Amino acid sequence: MMKIYETIQTYNQQGIDMVIVTAISKQGEGPVEVGKKMIVTNESTIGTVGGGALEHDAINKARELLKTRDHGSETYVLSDSGVQKKGKSLPMVCGGVVTLFFEFVGVKNHVTIFGAGHVGKALVTALHPLGFDVTVIDDRADLLDQIKDANRVVAMPFVEAIDKIGIKDGSYVVICTPSHTYDYHVINKILKDQLKPAYIGMLCSPAKLKAYLKTTYETFGKDVDLSNLYAPVGLDLGGGSPEEIAVSIVSEILTIYHGKTGHRHMREMR
């Protein structure tokens, strides 16, 4: 059990999302004792809640909760006898009933910032107290050296970094590189690889966006899904300093995170 708690601490420090599965009740026979735990990430499992069909189903449910970043519980009837009991029936011969609790443990969500310039740096400062896991990517080491509050910085070309570290499904991406060419390369890479962030915010003018959309439709077709593209990025709060722009971007991210509507997004003004 000590290894489980040590792993939880390590994963927390590394910003790895996990679901902790705990057996919280048991009636009759079964392959697990109350209190047993298992850690499930997208890549691995540690510990056990009994093996067999029970554990297989628990792992699948845990990985669904990793996507929604939520908690839950499930009661399993460990019998293939056909007798109807309250709970999810599994083809096991034990005959007992086990309830598992699924607890998501992780950061609020992941934000990847492409560009460590003035806006990128201000974004890190604004996001730091909010519980997001923040990664900043840039090939300018001198600028990355000035980023103090990110969870990690990645010193490499933007598109190459996507291949190296990836972009998590349902996460948030902010693109504020020093060149619109780089901006476009990042978005095109996301589209080409069919990555699924919940949000892609691009710092740009309406004129630059129009030119980008024309090229994108020519490349990917008119049916390309850009519903998660927020460009120009941010809510319409006013102000043009890096700090004010960062506040508008973070505010926009929070509206999406909390499912709020009715706010005026800059992209609606294009």
Protein backbone atom coordinates (compact mmCIF):
# COMPACT_ATOMS: atom_id res chain seq x y z
CA MET A 1 0.00 0.00 0.00
CA MET A 2 2.89 2.37 0.73
CA LYS A 3 3.96 2.13 -2.92
CA ILE A 4 0.50 3.38 -3.94
CA TYR A 5 0.82 6.53 -1.82
CA GLU A 6 4.39 7.15 -2.97
CA THR A 7 3.25 6.86 -6.58
CA ILE A 8 0.39 9.30 -6.01
CA GLN A 9 2.85 11.84 -4.63
CA THR A 10 5.26 11.29 -7.53
CA TYR A 11 2.55 11.61 -10.15
CA ASN A 12 1.27 14.79 -8.52
CA GLN A 13 4.73 16.32 -8.65
CA GLN A 14 5.07 15.35 -12.32
CA GLY A 15 1.63 16.65 -13.27
CA ILE A 16 0.38 13.20 -14.32
CA ASP A 17 -3.40 12.78 -14.19
CA MET A 18 -4.65 9.64 -12.49
CA VAL A 19 -7.76 7.95 -11.17
CA ILE A 20 -7.47 6.18 -7.82
CA VAL A 21 -9.79 3.17 -7.66
CA THR A 22 -10.68 2.00 -4.15
CA ALA A 23 -12.78 -0.97 -3.04
CA ILE A 24 -15.16 0.63 -0.52
CA SER A 25 -17.58 -2.22 0.18
CA LYS A 26 -17.97 -5.93 -0.35
CA GLN A 27 -20.74 -8.46 0.24
CA GLY A 28 -20.18 -12.19 -0.05
CA GLU A 29 -17.26 -13.69 -1.90
CA GLY A 30 -14.97 -11.76 -4.17
CA PRO A 31 -11.37 -11.35 -5.30
CA VAL A 32 -10.67 -8.09 -3.47
CA GLU A 33 -10.68 -6.81 0.08
CA VAL A 34 -12.16 -3.48 1.15
CA GLY A 35 -9.52 -0.75 1.08
CA LYS A 36 -7.50 -2.18 -1.81
CA LYS A 37 -6.42 0.49 -4.30
CA MET A 38 -5.33 0.76 -7.90
CA ILE A 39 -3.91 3.79 -9.72
CA VAL A 40 -4.90 4.15 -13.36
CA THR A 41 -3.29 6.56 -15.82
CA ASN A 42 -3.66 6.71 -19.58
CA GLU A 43 -0.51 4.62 -19.93
CA SER A 44 -0.31 2.30 -16.92
CA THR A 45 -1.84 0.79 -13.79
CA ILE A 46 -0.36 0.20 -10.34
CA GLY A 47 -1.98 -1.95 -7.66
CA THR A 48 -5.01 -4.19 -8.04
CA VAL A 49 -8.69 -4.40 -7.18
CA GLY A 50 -9.00 -8.10 -7.81
CA GLY A 51 -8.02 -8.88 -11.37
CA GLY A 52 -10.16 -10.55 -14.00
CA ALA A 53 -13.29 -8.98 -15.46
CA LEU A 54 -13.71 -6.73 -12.42
CA GLU A 55 -10.34 -5.08 -12.86
CA HIS A 56 -10.67 -4.91 -16.64
CA ASP A 57 -13.96 -3.03 -16.36
CA ALA A 58 -12.58 -0.80 -13.59
CA ILE A 59 -9.62 0.23 -15.75
CA ASN A 60 -11.91 1.10 -18.65
CA LYS A 61 -14.18 3.19 -16.42
CA ALA A 62 -11.17 4.93 -14.85
CA ARG A 63 -9.84 5.92 -18.26
CA GLU A 64 -13.20 7.35 -19.24
CA LEU A 65 -13.10 9.45 -16.06
CA LEU A 66 -9.60 10.63 -17.00
CA LYS A 67 -11.20 12.23 -20.05
CA THR A 68 -13.98 13.93 -18.08
CA ARG A 69 -11.76 14.63 -15.06
CA ASP A 70 -14.52 13.45 -12.75
CA HIS A 71 -15.26 11.13 -9.82
CA GLY A 72 -17.71 8.24 -9.65
CA SER A 73 -18.57 4.86 -8.20
CA GLU A 74 -19.72 1.52 -9.56
CA THR A 75 -21.26 -1.54 -7.94
CA TYR A 76 -20.43 -4.87 -9.53
CA VAL A 77 -22.29 -8.15 -9.20
CA LEU A 78 -19.65 -10.86 -9.55
CA SER A 79 -21.80 -13.65 -10.92
CA ASP A 80 -22.65 -15.31 -14.21
CA SER A 81 -25.67 -17.09 -12.74
CA GLY A 82 -28.18 -14.77 -14.35
CA VAL A 83 -29.63 -13.80 -10.98
CA GLN A 84 -30.60 -10.13 -11.05
CA LYS A 85 -28.99 -8.03 -8.35
CA LYS A 86 -28.53 -4.28 -8.15
CA GLY A 87 -25.29 -3.44 -9.90
CA LYS A 88 -23.32 -4.11 -13.05
CA SER A 89 -23.15 -7.83 -13.69
CA LEU A 90 -19.81 -9.36 -14.62
CA PRO A 91 -19.14 -12.92 -15.83
CA MET A 92 -17.38 -14.10 -12.67
CA VAL A 93 -18.18 -17.10 -10.47
CA CYS A 94 -17.53 -15.41 -7.10
CA GLY A 95 -21.13 -14.46 -6.50
CA GLY A 96 -20.31 -11.43 -4.33
CA VAL A 97 -21.03 -7.75 -4.75
CA VAL A 98 -18.22 -5.15 -4.76
CA THR A 99 -18.44 -1.36 -4.91
CA LEU A 100 -15.51 0.63 -6.24
CA PHE A 101 -14.97 4.36 -5.85
CA PHE A 102 -13.17 6.22 -8.66
CA GLU A 103 -11.39 9.43 -7.67
CA PHE A 104 -9.81 11.67 -10.29
CA VAL A 105 -6.60 13.27 -9.02
CA GLY A 106 -4.78 15.76 -11.19
CA VAL A 107 -4.46 19.31 -12.29
CA LYS A 108 -7.47 21.36 -13.36
CA ASN A 109 -6.37 20.86 -16.96
CA HIS A 110 -3.35 21.20 -19.21
CA VAL A 111 -2.44 24.40 -21.03
CA THR A 112 0.24 24.40 -23.72
CA ILE A 113 1.57 27.83 -24.66
CA PHE A 114 3.48 28.15 -27.93
CA GLY A 115 5.66 31.22 -27.53
CA ALA A 116 7.57 32.60 -24.54
CA GLY A 117 7.37 36.25 -25.52
CA HIS A 118 5.60 39.03 -23.62
CA VAL A 119 2.10 37.55 -23.89
CA GLY A 120 3.27 34.00 -23.21
CA LYS A 121 5.12 35.12 -20.10
CA ALA A 122 2.11 37.12 -18.86
CA LEU A 123 -0.13 34.11 -19.49
CA VAL A 124 2.00 31.91 -17.26
CA THR A 125 1.75 34.47 -14.47
CA ALA A 126 -2.05 34.67 -14.83
CA LEU A 127 -2.53 30.89 -14.99
CA HIS A 128 -0.17 30.01 -12.15
CA PRO A 129 -2.57 30.43 -9.19
CA LEU A 130 -5.51 28.74 -10.96
CA GLY A 131 -4.41 25.11 -10.75
CA PHE A 132 -3.66 24.50 -14.43
CA ASP A 133 -0.65 22.47 -15.56
CA VAL A 134 1.26 24.82 -17.86
CA THR A 135 3.83 23.97 -20.53
CA VAL A 136 5.66 26.68 -22.49
CA ILE A 137 7.33 25.83 -25.80
CA ASP A 138 9.85 28.00 -27.61
CA ASP A 139 13.25 27.57 -29.24
CA ARG A 140 14.52 30.82 -27.74
CA ALA A 141 16.31 29.67 -24.60
CA ASP A 142 16.89 33.20 -23.32
CA LEU A 143 13.13 33.81 -23.12
CA LEU A 144 12.42 30.45 -21.54
CA ASP A 145 14.94 31.31 -18.83
CA GLN A 146 12.62 34.14 -17.78
CA ILE A 147 9.61 31.83 -17.31
CA LYS A 148 9.47 30.99 -13.59
CA ASP A 149 5.98 29.69 -12.84
CA ALA A 150 5.35 27.14 -15.62
CA ASN A 151 5.27 23.45 -14.73
CA ARG A 152 7.71 22.84 -17.55
CA VAL A 153 9.45 24.63 -20.42
CA VAL A 154 10.42 22.91 -23.65
CA ALA A 155 13.28 24.35 -25.68
CA MET A 156 12.74 23.17 -29.24
CA PRO A 157 11.00 24.23 -32.47
CA PHE A 158 7.23 24.42 -32.11
CA VAL A 159 6.07 21.67 -34.46
CA GLU A 160 8.87 19.36 -33.37
CA ALA A 161 7.70 19.81 -29.78
CA ILE A 162 4.22 18.53 -30.68
CA ASP A 163 5.77 15.29 -31.91
CA LYS A 164 7.91 15.09 -28.79
CA ILE A 165 5.46 15.85 -25.97
CA GLY A 166 2.06 15.71 -27.67
CA ILE A 167 -1.13 17.63 -26.90
CA LYS A 168 -3.65 16.03 -24.57
CA ASP A 169 -7.26 15.53 -25.64
CA GLY A 170 -9.53 18.12 -24.06
CA SER A 171 -6.63 20.39 -23.11
CA TYR A 172 -6.07 24.07 -23.93
CA VAL A 173 -3.62 25.45 -26.49
CA VAL A 174 -2.57 29.09 -26.82
CA ILE A 175 -0.53 30.10 -29.85
CA CYS A 176 1.45 33.32 -29.55
CA THR A 177 4.69 32.62 -31.41
CA PRO A 178 6.87 35.41 -32.85
CA SER A 179 5.65 34.71 -36.39
CA HIS A 180 2.28 34.05 -37.97
CA THR A 181 4.01 31.43 -40.10
CA TYR A 182 4.88 29.52 -36.93
CA ASP A 183 1.32 30.03 -35.65
CA TYR A 184 -0.10 28.49 -38.79
CA HIS A 185 2.35 25.60 -38.70
CA VAL A 186 1.24 24.72 -35.17
CA ILE A 187 -2.48 24.76 -36.01
CA ASN A 188 -1.94 22.85 -39.24
CA LYS A 189 0.01 20.20 -37.32
CA ILE A 190 -2.87 19.85 -34.87
CA LEU A 191 -5.34 19.49 -37.74
CA LYS A 192 -3.14 17.09 -39.72
CA ASP A 193 -2.56 14.82 -36.72
CA GLN A 194 -6.26 15.03 -35.77
CA LEU A 195 -5.43 16.10 -32.22
CA LYS A 196 -8.38 17.02 -30.01
CA PRO A 197 -7.71 19.96 -27.69
CA ALA A 198 -10.83 21.63 -26.34
CA TYR A 199 -9.45 25.05 -27.17
CA ILE A 200 -7.00 26.53 -29.65
CA GLY A 201 -6.48 30.24 -29.09
CA MET A 202 -4.43 32.15 -31.65
CA LEU A 203 -3.12 35.68 -31.11
CA CYS A 204 -3.72 37.44 -34.42
CA SER A 205 -5.48 40.27 -36.20
CA PRO A 206 -8.72 39.71 -38.16
CA ALA A 207 -6.79 40.31 -41.40
CA LYS A 208 -4.16 37.68 -40.57
CA LEU A 209 -6.89 35.25 -39.56
CA LYS A 210 -8.71 35.74 -42.86
CA ALA A 211 -5.53 34.90 -44.78
CA TYR A 212 -4.97 31.83 -42.60
CA LEU A 213 -8.53 30.54 -43.03
CA LYS A 214 -8.31 30.90 -46.81
CA THR A 215 -5.17 28.74 -46.91
CA THR A 216 -6.56 26.25 -44.40
CA TYR A 217 -9.77 25.68 -46.33
CA GLU A 218 -7.72 25.15 -49.48
CA THR A 219 -5.53 22.61 -47.67
CA PHE A 220 -8.05 20.72 -45.54
CA GLY A 221 -11.32 21.46 -47.30
CA LYS A 222 -14.34 23.53 -46.32
CA ASP A 223 -15.53 20.84 -43.90
CA VAL A 224 -12.46 21.08 -41.64
CA ASP A 225 -13.60 21.39 -38.01
CA LEU A 226 -12.44 24.72 -36.57
CA SER A 227 -15.11 24.93 -33.88
CA ASN A 228 -12.43 24.92 -31.18
CA LEU A 229 -10.40 27.70 -32.82
CA TYR A 230 -10.66 30.98 -30.94
CA ALA A 231 -9.07 33.65 -33.09
CA PRO A 232 -8.60 36.47 -32.50
CA VAL A 233 -8.05 35.02 -29.06
CA GLY A 234 -9.64 36.20 -25.82
CA LEU A 235 -12.78 37.84 -24.51
CA ASP A 236 -13.62 41.39 -25.53
CA LEU A 237 -12.36 43.07 -22.35
CA GLY A 238 -10.41 45.94 -23.89
CA GLY A 239 -6.77 46.82 -23.39
CA GLY A 240 -3.72 45.93 -25.40
CA SER A 241 -0.87 45.32 -22.97
CA PRO A 242 0.53 41.79 -22.64
CA GLU A 243 -0.96 41.55 -19.15
CA GLU A 244 -4.41 42.70 -20.32
CA ILE A 245 -4.32 40.31 -23.27
CA ALA A 246 -3.35 37.49 -20.91
CA VAL A 247 -6.31 38.26 -18.64
CA SER A 248 -8.69 38.15 -21.62
CA ILE A 249 -7.26 34.80 -22.76
CA VAL A 250 -7.41 33.23 -19.30
CA SER A 251 -10.97 34.53 -18.91
CA GLU A 252 -11.89 32.88 -22.20
CA ILE A 253 -10.30 29.59 -21.11
CA LEU A 254 -12.30 29.71 -17.87
CA THR A 255 -15.60 30.26 -19.70
CA ILE A 256 -14.95 27.09 -21.68
CA TYR A 257 -13.70 25.15 -18.66
CA HIS A 258 -16.81 26.04 -16.65
CA GLY A 259 -19.20 25.76 -19.61
CA LYS A 260 -20.33 29.38 -19.42
CA THR A 261 -22.01 31.15 -22.33
CA GLY A 262 -23.13 34.67 -23.11
CA HIS A 263 -19.69 36.27 -23.05
CA ARG A 264 -18.44 38.26 -26.01
CA HIS A 265 -15.48 36.45 -27.58
CA MET A 266 -13.12 38.28 -29.89
CA ARG A 267 -13.61 35.57 -32.52
CA GLU A 268 -17.27 36.60 -32.79
CA MET A 269 -16.11 40.00 -34.04
CA ARG A 270 -14.12 38.69 -36.99
